[in-house]
């Protein structure tokens, strides 16, 4: 990562909420709190301006990946987890996960997740799309060189009292794609044929539609690629200050103090151990600027997880859905 610390020119860091939560999906994604193994559930979506062609039944799960969770795909895994086929959409609407018109909004695409069984149903490329929060990302100049850390809510499959917000993936931005024409130019290189934001209609919406494509490296000297998943969740990747209550209250190094957007600013508190806490809201993209100390924190995060970076060997698929 290049150092870029001239005044007003710091690298932007975005803590980006993605996956099932109580608003979209109606529950947290499952994980094993002893092993750290997890499954990330993309949010559900009915047909709209996005590209909808990936169903939960087409997303295959490795056999016996999470003990006690049955099913060879995300549709069956969800029903095993919840004991129902009812899945929550936005605005307190519900649908059956068996519905052929219900789709998984598979974004971000960071290659094959560690829990997924590769198959020929669709291509998983490399890129992240954002429409709803695009004005905020543009306002804070989240562009080339910016870094997304993707997090979600995860709940233990064996002890429902244990849950937390965990970082599970990342992407360093090589370029921000802003037009449908630009998308067509990078479609093949980044395998984005099945990415939900790659439609002309998505780029014709009132709000801007952005696609962020990854750089080759995050930390080249550590051999950390510019995008990917952590194999398991652990304490270093935990944002929540508690795993048993108020998980939306985060505990962060004090270098973050009063620097994040979208949080409840009056709830910042310094602790006595070099950390601070803050109550997060319902935002999707929490943005800050990485100072030199901030880059040190980020580098240390990946050093602690150097053996926890998922390095898949095969592409997810070799054909497309038309």
C-alpha atoms as a PDB file:
ATOM      1  CA  UNK A   1       0.000   0.000   0.000  1.00  0.00           C
ATOM      2  CA  UNK A   2       1.429   3.354  -0.996  1.00  0.00           C
ATOM      3  CA  UNK A   3       1.763   5.961   1.722  1.00  0.00           C
ATOM      4  CA  UNK A   4      -0.290   9.025   0.892  1.00  0.00           C
ATOM      5  CA  UNK A   5      -0.345  11.318   3.901  1.00  0.00           C
ATOM      6  CA  UNK A   6      -0.273  14.846   2.534  1.00  0.00           C
ATOM      7  CA  UNK A   7      -2.782  17.110   4.251  1.00  0.00           C
ATOM      8  CA  UNK A   8      -6.343  16.373   3.108  1.00  0.00           C
ATOM      9  CA  UNK A   9      -5.216  13.408   1.023  1.00  0.00           C
ATOM     10  CA  UNK A  10      -5.526  10.450   3.371  1.00  0.00           C
ATOM     11  CA  UNK A  11      -6.673   7.019   2.224  1.00  0.00           C
ATOM     12  CA  UNK A  12     -10.398   6.506   2.841  1.00  0.00           C
ATOM     13  CA  UNK A  13     -11.480   3.456   4.831  1.00  0.00           C
ATOM     14  CA  UNK A  14     -15.089   2.277   4.595  1.00  0.00           C
ATOM     15  CA  UNK A  15     -16.608  -0.207   7.027  1.00  0.00           C
ATOM     16  CA  UNK A  16     -19.358  -1.574   4.785  1.00  0.00           C
ATOM     17  CA  UNK A  17     -22.339  -3.533   6.143  1.00  0.00           C
ATOM     18  CA  UNK A  18     -23.317  -6.371   3.812  1.00  0.00           C
ATOM     19  CA  UNK A  19     -25.400  -9.530   4.210  1.00  0.00           C
ATOM     20  CA  UNK A  20     -28.405 -10.620   6.253  1.00  0.00           C
ATOM     21  CA  UNK A  21     -29.479  -8.501   9.202  1.00  0.00           C
ATOM     22  CA  UNK A  22     -32.724  -7.830  11.046  1.00  0.00           C
ATOM     23  CA  UNK A  23     -33.796  -5.399   8.299  1.00  0.00           C
ATOM     24  CA  UNK A  24     -33.040  -7.496   5.195  1.00  0.00           C
ATOM     25  CA  UNK A  25     -33.264 -11.240   5.728  1.00  0.00           C
ATOM     26  CA  UNK A  26     -34.730 -10.999   9.208  1.00  0.00           C
ATOM     27  CA  UNK A  27     -31.805 -12.624  11.016  1.00  0.00           C
ATOM     28  CA  UNK A  28     -28.022 -12.683  11.175  1.00  0.00           C
ATOM     29  CA  UNK A  29     -25.860 -15.009   9.122  1.00  0.00           C
ATOM     30  CA  UNK A  30     -24.740 -18.179  10.968  1.00  0.00           C
ATOM     31  CA  UNK A  31     -21.302 -19.001  12.362  1.00  0.00           C
ATOM     32  CA  UNK A  32     -19.645 -21.470  14.712  1.00  0.00           C
ATOM     33  CA  UNK A  33     -18.326 -19.432  17.634  1.00  0.00           C
ATOM     34  CA  UNK A  34     -15.809 -22.150  18.528  1.00  0.00           C
ATOM     35  CA  UNK A  35     -14.186 -22.644  15.112  1.00  0.00           C
ATOM     36  CA  UNK A  36     -14.978 -19.273  13.530  1.00  0.00           C
ATOM     37  CA  UNK A  37     -16.422 -20.908  10.415  1.00  0.00           C
ATOM     38  CA  UNK A  38     -19.245 -18.849   8.933  1.00  0.00           C
ATOM     39  CA  UNK A  39     -21.659 -18.586   6.039  1.00  0.00           C
ATOM     40  CA  UNK A  40     -22.475 -15.166   4.614  1.00  0.00           C
ATOM     41  CA  UNK A  41     -26.080 -14.832   3.376  1.00  0.00           C
ATOM     42  CA  UNK A  42     -26.591 -12.229   0.598  1.00  0.00           C
ATOM     43  CA  UNK A  43     -29.712 -10.114   1.159  1.00  0.00           C
ATOM     44  CA  UNK A  44     -32.976 -11.192  -0.541  1.00  0.00           C
ATOM     45  CA  UNK A  45     -34.474  -9.236  -3.407  1.00  0.00           C
ATOM     46  CA  UNK A  46     -37.485  -9.352  -5.710  1.00  0.00           C
ATOM     47  CA  UNK A  47     -37.158  -8.388  -9.385  1.00  0.00           C
ATOM     48  CA  UNK A  48     -36.271  -4.709  -9.884  1.00  0.00           C
ATOM     49  CA  UNK A  49     -33.733  -2.603 -11.782  1.00  0.00           C
ATOM     50  CA  UNK A  50     -30.837  -4.790 -10.682  1.00  0.00           C
ATOM     51  CA  UNK A  51     -29.687  -7.934 -12.427  1.00  0.00           C
ATOM     52  CA  UNK A  52     -31.593 -10.728 -10.707  1.00  0.00           C
ATOM     53  CA  UNK A  53     -30.536 -14.191 -11.808  1.00  0.00           C
ATOM     54  CA  UNK A  54     -28.976 -15.899  -8.776  1.00  0.00           C
ATOM     55  CA  UNK A  55     -31.361 -17.919  -6.633  1.00  0.00           C
ATOM     56  CA  UNK A  56     -30.519 -19.195  -3.160  1.00  0.00           C
ATOM     57  CA  UNK A  57     -30.996 -22.760  -4.391  1.00  0.00           C
ATOM     58  CA  UNK A  58     -28.151 -22.206  -6.903  1.00  0.00           C
ATOM     59  CA  UNK A  59     -25.604 -21.132  -4.290  1.00  0.00           C
ATOM     60  CA  UNK A  60     -24.047 -24.407  -3.148  1.00  0.00           C
ATOM     61  CA  UNK A  61     -22.656 -24.918   0.360  1.00  0.00           C
ATOM     62  CA  UNK A  62     -19.807 -27.287   1.196  1.00  0.00           C
ATOM     63  CA  UNK A  63     -21.021 -30.502   2.779  1.00  0.00           C
ATOM     64  CA  UNK A  64     -21.299 -30.347   6.590  1.00  0.00           C
ATOM     65  CA  UNK A  65     -19.567 -26.962   6.593  1.00  0.00           C
ATOM     66  CA  UNK A  66     -21.377 -25.802   9.730  1.00  0.00           C
ATOM     67  CA  UNK A  67     -22.248 -28.620  12.113  1.00  0.00           C
ATOM     68  CA  UNK A  68     -25.995 -28.769  12.679  1.00  0.00           C
ATOM     69  CA  UNK A  69     -26.854 -26.773   9.551  1.00  0.00           C
ATOM     70  CA  UNK A  70     -28.362 -29.036   6.910  1.00  0.00           C
ATOM     71  CA  UNK A  71     -28.629 -28.524   3.179  1.00  0.00           C
ATOM     72  CA  UNK A  72     -26.433 -28.398   0.100  1.00  0.00           C
ATOM     73  CA  UNK A  73     -27.433 -24.855  -0.875  1.00  0.00           C
ATOM     74  CA  UNK A  74     -28.345 -21.559   0.800  1.00  0.00           C
ATOM     75  CA  UNK A  75     -32.085 -22.100   0.389  1.00  0.00           C
ATOM     76  CA  UNK A  76     -32.020 -25.337   2.371  1.00  0.00           C
ATOM     77  CA  UNK A  77     -29.452 -23.966   4.820  1.00  0.00           C
ATOM     78  CA  UNK A  78     -31.753 -21.024   5.588  1.00  0.00           C
ATOM     79  CA  UNK A  79     -34.739 -23.307   6.225  1.00  0.00           C
ATOM     80  CA  UNK A  80     -32.558 -25.493   8.442  1.00  0.00           C
ATOM     81  CA  UNK A  81     -31.377 -22.430  10.335  1.00  0.00           C
ATOM     82  CA  UNK A  82     -34.755 -20.745  10.817  1.00  0.00           C
ATOM     83  CA  UNK A  83     -37.208 -23.647  10.669  1.00  0.00           C
ATOM     84  CA  UNK A  84     -39.300 -21.689   8.153  1.00  0.00           C
ATOM     85  CA  UNK A  85     -39.210 -20.631   4.512  1.00  0.00           C
ATOM     86  CA  UNK A  86     -40.259 -17.054   5.322  1.00  0.00           C
ATOM     87  CA  UNK A  87     -37.516 -14.524   4.673  1.00  0.00           C
ATOM     88  CA  UNK A  88     -37.785 -10.815   5.425  1.00  0.00           C
ATOM     89  CA  UNK A  89     -37.499  -8.259   2.640  1.00  0.00           C
ATOM     90  CA  UNK A  90     -37.081  -4.512   3.063  1.00  0.00           C
ATOM     91  CA  UNK A  91     -40.027  -2.487   4.466  1.00  0.00           C
ATOM     92  CA  UNK A  92     -41.251  -5.359   6.657  1.00  0.00           C
ATOM     93  CA  UNK A  93     -42.400  -7.449   3.704  1.00  0.00           C
ATOM     94  CA  UNK A  94     -41.873 -11.197   3.619  1.00  0.00           C
ATOM     95  CA  UNK A  95     -41.473 -13.793   0.898  1.00  0.00           C
ATOM     96  CA  UNK A  96     -40.883 -17.521   0.682  1.00  0.00           C
ATOM     97  CA  UNK A  97     -37.286 -18.480   0.020  1.00  0.00           C
ATOM     98  CA  UNK A  98     -38.823 -21.160  -2.253  1.00  0.00           C
ATOM     99  CA  UNK A  99     -40.273 -18.420  -4.488  1.00  0.00           C
ATOM    100  CA  UNK A 100     -38.778 -18.544  -7.994  1.00  0.00           C
ATOM    101  CA  UNK A 101     -38.974 -14.734  -8.126  1.00  0.00           C
ATOM    102  CA  UNK A 102     -36.841 -14.287  -5.009  1.00  0.00           C
ATOM    103  CA  UNK A 103     -33.159 -13.727  -5.683  1.00  0.00           C
ATOM    104  CA  UNK A 104     -29.915 -13.323  -3.747  1.00  0.00           C
ATOM    105  CA  UNK A 105     -28.288  -9.905  -4.162  1.00  0.00           C
ATOM    106  CA  UNK A 106     -24.780 -11.370  -4.321  1.00  0.00           C
ATOM    107  CA  UNK A 107     -22.691  -8.281  -3.596  1.00  0.00           C
ATOM    108  CA  UNK A 108     -19.838  -7.770  -2.866  1.00  0.00           C
ATOM    109  CA  UNK A 109     -18.257 -10.299  -5.192  1.00  0.00           C
ATOM    110  CA  UNK A 110     -14.847 -11.155  -3.751  1.00  0.00           C
ATOM    111  CA  UNK A 111     -14.268 -14.450  -5.509  1.00  0.00           C
ATOM    112  CA  UNK A 112     -15.500 -17.728  -4.045  1.00  0.00           C
ATOM    113  CA  UNK A 113     -16.374 -17.522  -0.317  1.00  0.00           C
ATOM    114  CA  UNK A 114     -14.704 -20.130   1.925  1.00  0.00           C
ATOM    115  CA  UNK A 115     -18.019 -21.862   2.588  1.00  0.00           C
ATOM    116  CA  UNK A 116     -19.138 -22.152  -1.018  1.00  0.00           C
ATOM    117  CA  UNK A 117     -18.943 -25.216  -3.216  1.00  0.00           C
ATOM    118  CA  UNK A 118     -17.895 -24.139  -6.697  1.00  0.00           C
ATOM    119  CA  UNK A 119     -20.432 -24.889  -9.408  1.00  0.00           C
ATOM    120  CA  UNK A 120     -21.400 -24.046 -12.979  1.00  0.00           C
ATOM    121  CA  UNK A 121     -24.529 -22.060 -12.196  1.00  0.00           C
ATOM    122  CA  UNK A 122     -23.061 -18.569 -12.377  1.00  0.00           C
ATOM    123  CA  UNK A 123     -19.839 -16.604 -12.378  1.00  0.00           C
ATOM    124  CA  UNK A 124     -18.584 -14.962  -9.188  1.00  0.00           C
ATOM    125  CA  UNK A 125     -16.388 -12.097 -10.236  1.00  0.00           C
ATOM    126  CA  UNK A 126     -14.588  -9.361  -8.351  1.00  0.00           C
ATOM    127  CA  UNK A 127     -16.284  -6.061  -7.684  1.00  0.00           C
ATOM    128  CA  UNK A 128     -18.624  -4.210  -5.344  1.00  0.00           C
ATOM    129  CA  UNK A 129     -21.675  -2.142  -6.308  1.00  0.00           C
ATOM    130  CA  UNK A 130     -23.446   0.616  -4.446  1.00  0.00           C
ATOM    131  CA  UNK A 131     -26.448   2.717  -5.363  1.00  0.00           C
ATOM    132  CA  UNK A 132     -28.333   3.701  -2.208  1.00  0.00           C
ATOM    133  CA  UNK A 133     -25.245   5.077  -0.458  1.00  0.00           C
ATOM    134  CA  UNK A 134     -23.517   6.347  -3.601  1.00  0.00           C
ATOM    135  CA  UNK A 135     -24.111  10.044  -2.750  1.00  0.00           C
ATOM    136  CA  UNK A 136     -22.308   9.561   0.574  1.00  0.00           C
ATOM    137  CA  UNK A 137     -19.406   7.694  -1.047  1.00  0.00           C
ATOM    138  CA  UNK A 138     -19.075  10.398  -3.679  1.00  0.00           C
ATOM    139  CA  UNK A 139     -19.255  13.187  -1.093  1.00  0.00           C
ATOM    140  CA  UNK A 140     -16.342  11.649   0.820  1.00  0.00           C
ATOM    141  CA  UNK A 141     -14.387  10.934  -2.382  1.00  0.00           C
ATOM    142  CA  UNK A 142     -14.310   7.155  -1.947  1.00  0.00           C
ATOM    143  CA  UNK A 143     -12.455   6.331  -5.120  1.00  0.00           C
ATOM    144  CA  UNK A 144      -9.092   5.000  -6.289  1.00  0.00           C
ATOM    145  CA  UNK A 145      -6.979   3.773  -3.360  1.00  0.00           C
ATOM    146  CA  UNK A 146      -9.895   3.632  -0.913  1.00  0.00           C
ATOM    147  CA  UNK A 147     -10.380   0.451   1.107  1.00  0.00           C
ATOM    148  CA  UNK A 148     -13.608  -1.353   1.988  1.00  0.00           C
ATOM    149  CA  UNK A 149     -13.757  -3.696   4.966  1.00  0.00           C
ATOM    150  CA  UNK A 150     -16.983  -5.676   4.669  1.00  0.00           C
ATOM    151  CA  UNK A 151     -18.740  -6.699   7.871  1.00  0.00           C
ATOM    152  CA  UNK A 152     -21.995  -8.344   8.803  1.00  0.00           C
ATOM    153  CA  UNK A 153     -23.990  -9.621  11.747  1.00  0.00           C
ATOM    154  CA  UNK A 154     -23.299 -13.250  12.673  1.00  0.00           C
ATOM    155  CA  UNK A 155     -25.055 -15.422  15.244  1.00  0.00           C
ATOM    156  CA  UNK A 156     -23.769 -18.660  16.732  1.00  0.00           C
ATOM    157  CA  UNK A 157     -25.652 -21.730  15.502  1.00  0.00           C
ATOM    158  CA  UNK A 158     -25.172 -23.506  18.845  1.00  0.00           C
ATOM    159  CA  UNK A 159     -25.750 -20.614  21.256  1.00  0.00           C
ATOM    160  CA  UNK A 160     -28.192 -17.976  20.013  1.00  0.00           C
ATOM    161  CA  UNK A 161     -27.083 -15.591  22.780  1.00  0.00           C
ATOM    162  CA  UNK A 162     -23.706 -15.186  21.070  1.00  0.00           C
ATOM    163  CA  UNK A 163     -23.578 -12.823  18.111  1.00  0.00           C
ATOM    164  CA  UNK A 164     -21.569  -9.903  16.810  1.00  0.00           C
ATOM    165  CA  UNK A 165     -20.553  -7.678  13.933  1.00  0.00           C
ATOM    166  CA  UNK A 166     -17.488  -9.230  12.276  1.00  0.00           C
ATOM    167  CA  UNK A 167     -15.300  -8.152   9.360  1.00  0.00           C
ATOM    168  CA  UNK A 168     -15.284 -10.985   6.804  1.00  0.00           C
ATOM    169  CA  UNK A 169     -13.851  -9.484   3.606  1.00  0.00           C
ATOM    170  CA  UNK A 170     -12.127  -6.532   1.952  1.00  0.00           C
ATOM    171  CA  UNK A 171     -11.548  -4.705  -1.321  1.00  0.00           C
ATOM    172  CA  UNK A 172      -9.007  -2.024  -2.249  1.00  0.00           C
ATOM    173  CA  UNK A 173     -10.348   0.186  -5.026  1.00  0.00           C
ATOM    174  CA  UNK A 174      -8.465   0.339  -8.299  1.00  0.00           C
ATOM    175  CA  UNK A 175     -11.201   2.304 -10.054  1.00  0.00           C
ATOM    176  CA  UNK A 176     -14.760   3.512  -9.497  1.00  0.00           C
ATOM    177  CA  UNK A 177     -16.953   2.645 -12.494  1.00  0.00           C
ATOM    178  CA  UNK A 178     -19.719   5.215 -13.018  1.00  0.00           C
ATOM    179  CA  UNK A 179     -21.339   4.421 -16.377  1.00  0.00           C
ATOM    180  CA  UNK A 180     -22.839   1.410 -18.103  1.00  0.00           C
ATOM    181  CA  UNK A 181     -20.422   1.925 -20.997  1.00  0.00           C
ATOM    182  CA  UNK A 182     -17.444   1.611 -18.618  1.00  0.00           C
ATOM    183  CA  UNK A 183     -18.994  -1.594 -17.227  1.00  0.00           C
ATOM    184  CA  UNK A 184     -19.060  -3.179 -20.654  1.00  0.00           C
ATOM    185  CA  UNK A 185     -15.359  -2.441 -21.027  1.00  0.00           C
ATOM    186  CA  UNK A 186     -14.349  -4.274 -17.820  1.00  0.00           C
ATOM    187  CA  UNK A 187     -16.978  -7.044 -17.842  1.00  0.00           C
ATOM    188  CA  UNK A 188     -14.713  -9.812 -19.097  1.00  0.00           C
ATOM    189  CA  UNK A 189     -11.597  -8.852 -17.131  1.00  0.00           C
ATOM    190  CA  UNK A 190     -13.409  -8.838 -13.783  1.00  0.00           C
ATOM    191  CA  UNK A 191     -15.997 -11.563 -14.556  1.00  0.00           C
ATOM    192  CA  UNK A 192     -18.905  -9.333 -13.584  1.00  0.00           C
ATOM    193  CA  UNK A 193     -21.505 -10.881 -15.907  1.00  0.00           C
ATOM    194  CA  UNK A 194     -23.754 -11.880 -12.975  1.00  0.00           C
ATOM    195  CA  UNK A 195     -23.093  -8.930 -10.672  1.00  0.00           C
ATOM    196  CA  UNK A 196     -26.452  -7.431  -9.609  1.00  0.00           C
ATOM    197  CA  UNK A 197     -25.436  -3.822 -10.350  1.00  0.00           C
ATOM    198  CA  UNK A 198     -24.366  -4.487 -13.951  1.00  0.00           C
ATOM    199  CA  UNK A 199     -27.477  -3.354 -15.819  1.00  0.00           C
ATOM    200  CA  UNK A 200     -28.272  -0.324 -17.922  1.00  0.00           C
ATOM    201  CA  UNK A 201     -31.379   0.239 -15.786  1.00  0.00           C
ATOM    202  CA  UNK A 202     -29.270   0.387 -12.603  1.00  0.00           C
ATOM    203  CA  UNK A 203     -27.171   3.144 -14.150  1.00  0.00           C
ATOM    204  CA  UNK A 204     -30.308   5.010 -15.244  1.00  0.00           C
ATOM    205  CA  UNK A 205     -31.701   5.394 -11.731  1.00  0.00           C
ATOM    206  CA  UNK A 206     -32.033   8.802 -10.054  1.00  0.00           C
ATOM    207  CA  UNK A 207     -29.220   7.963  -7.642  1.00  0.00           C
ATOM    208  CA  UNK A 208     -25.833   7.141  -9.069  1.00  0.00           C
ATOM    209  CA  UNK A 209     -24.790   3.522  -9.426  1.00  0.00           C
ATOM    210  CA  UNK A 210     -21.124   2.782  -8.728  1.00  0.00           C
ATOM    211  CA  UNK A 211     -19.053  -0.347  -9.311  1.00  0.00           C
ATOM    212  CA  UNK A 212     -15.759  -0.523  -7.423  1.00  0.00           C
ATOM    213  CA  UNK A 213     -13.211  -2.844  -9.009  1.00  0.00           C
ATOM    214  CA  UNK A 214     -10.229  -4.131  -6.980  1.00  0.00           C
ATOM    215  CA  UNK A 215      -6.544  -3.410  -7.183  1.00  0.00           C
ATOM    216  CA  UNK A 216      -4.120  -6.314  -7.495  1.00  0.00           C
ATOM    217  CA  UNK A 217      -2.721  -5.961  -3.970  1.00  0.00           C
ATOM    218  CA  UNK A 218      -3.731  -4.575  -0.607  1.00  0.00           C
ATOM    219  CA  UNK A 219      -0.307  -5.270   0.920  1.00  0.00           C
ATOM    220  CA  UNK A 220       1.985  -6.654  -1.734  1.00  0.00           C
ATOM    221  CA  UNK A 221       4.853  -7.365   0.661  1.00  0.00           C
ATOM    222  CA  UNK A 222       2.492  -9.497   2.787  1.00  0.00           C
ATOM    223  CA  UNK A 223       1.015 -11.134  -0.339  1.00  0.00           C
ATOM    224  CA  UNK A 224      -2.439  -9.877   0.630  1.00  0.00           C
ATOM    225  CA  UNK A 225      -4.504  -9.519  -2.568  1.00  0.00           C
ATOM    226  CA  UNK A 226      -6.619  -6.468  -3.289  1.00  0.00           C
ATOM    227  CA  UNK A 227      -9.851  -8.314  -2.489  1.00  0.00           C
ATOM    228  CA  UNK A 228     -10.914 -11.459  -0.682  1.00  0.00           C
ATOM    229  CA  UNK A 229     -12.381 -13.231   2.317  1.00  0.00           C
ATOM    230  CA  UNK A 230     -11.093 -14.245   5.706  1.00  0.00           C
ATOM    231  CA  UNK A 231     -11.385 -18.003   6.152  1.00  0.00           C
ATOM    232  CA  UNK A 232     -12.784 -17.781   9.689  1.00  0.00           C
ATOM    233  CA  UNK A 233     -14.038 -15.098  12.063  1.00  0.00           C
ATOM    234  CA  UNK A 234     -11.984 -14.318  15.164  1.00  0.00           C
ATOM    235  CA  UNK A 235     -11.552 -11.763  17.946  1.00  0.00           C
ATOM    236  CA  UNK A 236      -9.311  -9.545  15.793  1.00  0.00           C
ATOM    237  CA  UNK A 237     -12.147  -9.214  13.262  1.00  0.00           C
ATOM    238  CA  UNK A 238     -14.829  -8.466  15.857  1.00  0.00           C
ATOM    239  CA  UNK A 239     -16.223  -4.922  15.822  1.00  0.00           C
ATOM    240  CA  UNK A 240     -18.823  -5.349  18.590  1.00  0.00           C
ATOM    241  CA  UNK A 241     -17.807  -4.507  22.146  1.00  0.00           C
ATOM    242  CA  UNK A 242     -19.889  -7.434  23.427  1.00  0.00           C
ATOM    243  CA  UNK A 243     -20.977 -10.721  21.874  1.00  0.00           C
ATOM    244  CA  UNK A 244     -23.943 -11.114  24.209  1.00  0.00           C
ATOM    245  CA  UNK A 245     -25.606  -7.680  24.313  1.00  0.00           C
ATOM    246  CA  UNK A 246     -25.702  -4.411  22.370  1.00  0.00           C
ATOM    247  CA  UNK A 247     -23.638  -5.773  19.506  1.00  0.00           C
ATOM    248  CA  UNK A 248     -24.267  -2.540  17.571  1.00  0.00           C
ATOM    249  CA  UNK A 249     -21.958  -0.826  20.061  1.00  0.00           C
ATOM    250  CA  UNK A 250     -18.462  -1.143  18.650  1.00  0.00           C
ATOM    251  CA  UNK A 251     -15.105  -1.141  20.399  1.00  0.00           C
ATOM    252  CA  UNK A 252     -12.381   0.363  18.225  1.00  0.00           C
ATOM    253  CA  UNK A 253      -8.811   1.626  18.675  1.00  0.00           C
ATOM    254  CA  UNK A 254      -8.947   5.229  19.886  1.00  0.00           C
ATOM    255  CA  UNK A 255      -7.509   6.455  16.584  1.00  0.00           C
ATOM    256  CA  UNK A 256     -11.108   6.104  15.316  1.00  0.00           C
ATOM    257  CA  UNK A 257     -12.499   8.410  18.028  1.00  0.00           C
ATOM    258  CA  UNK A 258     -15.177  10.701  16.558  1.00  0.00           C
ATOM    259  CA  UNK A 259     -13.982   9.989  13.017  1.00  0.00           C
ATOM    260  CA  UNK A 260     -16.635   7.643  11.566  1.00  0.00           C
ATOM    261  CA  UNK A 261     -19.594   8.893   9.562  1.00  0.00           C
ATOM    262  CA  UNK A 262     -23.121   7.475   9.997  1.00  0.00           C
ATOM    263  CA  UNK A 263     -22.702   6.526  13.674  1.00  0.00           C
ATOM    264  CA  UNK A 264     -24.549   8.079  16.607  1.00  0.00           C
ATOM    265  CA  UNK A 265     -21.958  10.783  17.230  1.00  0.00           C
ATOM    266  CA  UNK A 266     -23.048  11.604  20.794  1.00  0.00           C
ATOM    267  CA  UNK A 267     -22.338   8.026  21.896  1.00  0.00           C
ATOM    268  CA  UNK A 268     -18.531   8.114  21.506  1.00  0.00           C
ATOM    269  CA  UNK A 269     -16.653   7.204  24.704  1.00  0.00           C
ATOM    270  CA  UNK A 270     -12.960   6.710  25.377  1.00  0.00           C
ATOM    271  CA  UNK A 271     -12.030   3.710  27.503  1.00  0.00           C
ATOM    272  CA  UNK A 272      -8.989   3.257  29.723  1.00  0.00           C
ATOM    273  CA  UNK A 273      -7.236   0.694  27.528  1.00  0.00           C
ATOM    274  CA  UNK A 274      -6.509   2.691  24.375  1.00  0.00           C
ATOM    275  CA  UNK A 275      -9.882   1.982  22.803  1.00  0.00           C
ATOM    276  CA  UNK A 276     -13.144   3.824  22.289  1.00  0.00           C
ATOM    277  CA  UNK A 277     -16.765   2.759  21.893  1.00  0.00           C
ATOM    278  CA  UNK A 278     -19.561   4.087  19.723  1.00  0.00           C
ATOM    279  CA  UNK A 279     -23.157   3.163  19.009  1.00  0.00           C
ATOM    280  CA  UNK A 280     -23.730   2.497  15.303  1.00  0.00           C
ATOM    281  CA  UNK A 281     -26.943   3.282  13.513  1.00  0.00           C
ATOM    282  CA  UNK A 282     -28.597   1.688  10.514  1.00  0.00           C
ATOM    283  CA  UNK A 283     -26.083   3.038   7.983  1.00  0.00           C
ATOM    284  CA  UNK A 284     -24.422   0.874   5.359  1.00  0.00           C
ATOM    285  CA  UNK A 285     -21.148   2.681   4.733  1.00  0.00           C
ATOM    286  CA  UNK A 286     -19.179   4.030   7.722  1.00  0.00           C
ATOM    287  CA  UNK A 287     -16.347   6.180   6.369  1.00  0.00           C
ATOM    288  CA  UNK A 288     -13.153   7.508   7.932  1.00  0.00           C
ATOM    289  CA  UNK A 289      -9.709   8.651   6.800  1.00  0.00           C
ATOM    290  CA  UNK A 290      -6.683   6.481   7.457  1.00  0.00           C
ATOM    291  CA  UNK A 291      -3.841   8.380   9.058  1.00  0.00           C
ATOM    292  CA  UNK A 292      -0.391   6.833   9.302  1.00  0.00           C
ATOM    293  CA  UNK A 293      -1.472   5.242  12.591  1.00  0.00           C
ATOM    294  CA  UNK A 294      -4.605   4.045  10.862  1.00  0.00           C
ATOM    295  CA  UNK A 295      -2.605   2.314   8.159  1.00  0.00           C
ATOM    296  CA  UNK A 296      -0.526   0.720  10.899  1.00  0.00           C
ATOM    297  CA  UNK A 297      -3.694  -0.622  12.502  1.00  0.00           C
ATOM    298  CA  UNK A 298      -4.918  -1.995   9.174  1.00  0.00           C
ATOM    299  CA  UNK A 299      -1.594  -3.628   8.413  1.00  0.00           C
ATOM    300  CA  UNK A 300      -1.533  -5.185  11.877  1.00  0.00           C
ATOM    301  CA  UNK A 301      -5.055  -6.544  11.319  1.00  0.00           C
ATOM    302  CA  UNK A 302      -3.843  -8.417   8.251  1.00  0.00           C
ATOM    303  CA  UNK A 303      -0.612  -9.512   9.919  1.00  0.00           C
ATOM    304  CA  UNK A 304      -2.681 -11.124  12.674  1.00  0.00           C
ATOM    305  CA  UNK A 305      -4.776 -12.811   9.982  1.00  0.00           C
ATOM    306  CA  UNK A 306      -1.963 -13.643   7.568  1.00  0.00           C
ATOM    307  CA  UNK A 307      -2.766 -17.355   7.823  1.00  0.00           C
ATOM    308  CA  UNK A 308      -6.502 -16.660   7.768  1.00  0.00           C
ATOM    309  CA  UNK A 309      -6.798 -15.345   4.215  1.00  0.00           C
ATOM    310  CA  UNK A 310      -8.902 -17.616   2.045  1.00  0.00           C
ATOM    311  CA  UNK A 311      -7.042 -18.517  -1.137  1.00  0.00           C
ATOM    312  CA  UNK A 312      -9.330 -20.502  -3.410  1.00  0.00           C
ATOM    313  CA  UNK A 313      -7.724 -22.421  -6.246  1.00  0.00           C
ATOM    314  CA  UNK A 314     -10.493 -22.624  -8.836  1.00  0.00           C
ATOM    315  CA  UNK A 315     -12.923 -20.098 -10.350  1.00  0.00           C
ATOM    316  CA  UNK A 316     -16.528 -20.354  -9.190  1.00  0.00           C
ATOM    317  CA  UNK A 317     -17.919 -21.266 -12.581  1.00  0.00           C
ATOM    318  CA  UNK A 318     -17.173 -21.392 -16.271  1.00  0.00           C
ATOM    319  CA  UNK A 319     -20.479 -20.387 -17.733  1.00  0.00           C
ATOM    320  CA  UNK A 320     -22.962 -17.552 -17.384  1.00  0.00           C
ATOM    321  CA  UNK A 321     -26.646 -17.157 -16.729  1.00  0.00           C
ATOM    322  CA  UNK A 322     -28.292 -15.345 -19.630  1.00  0.00           C
END
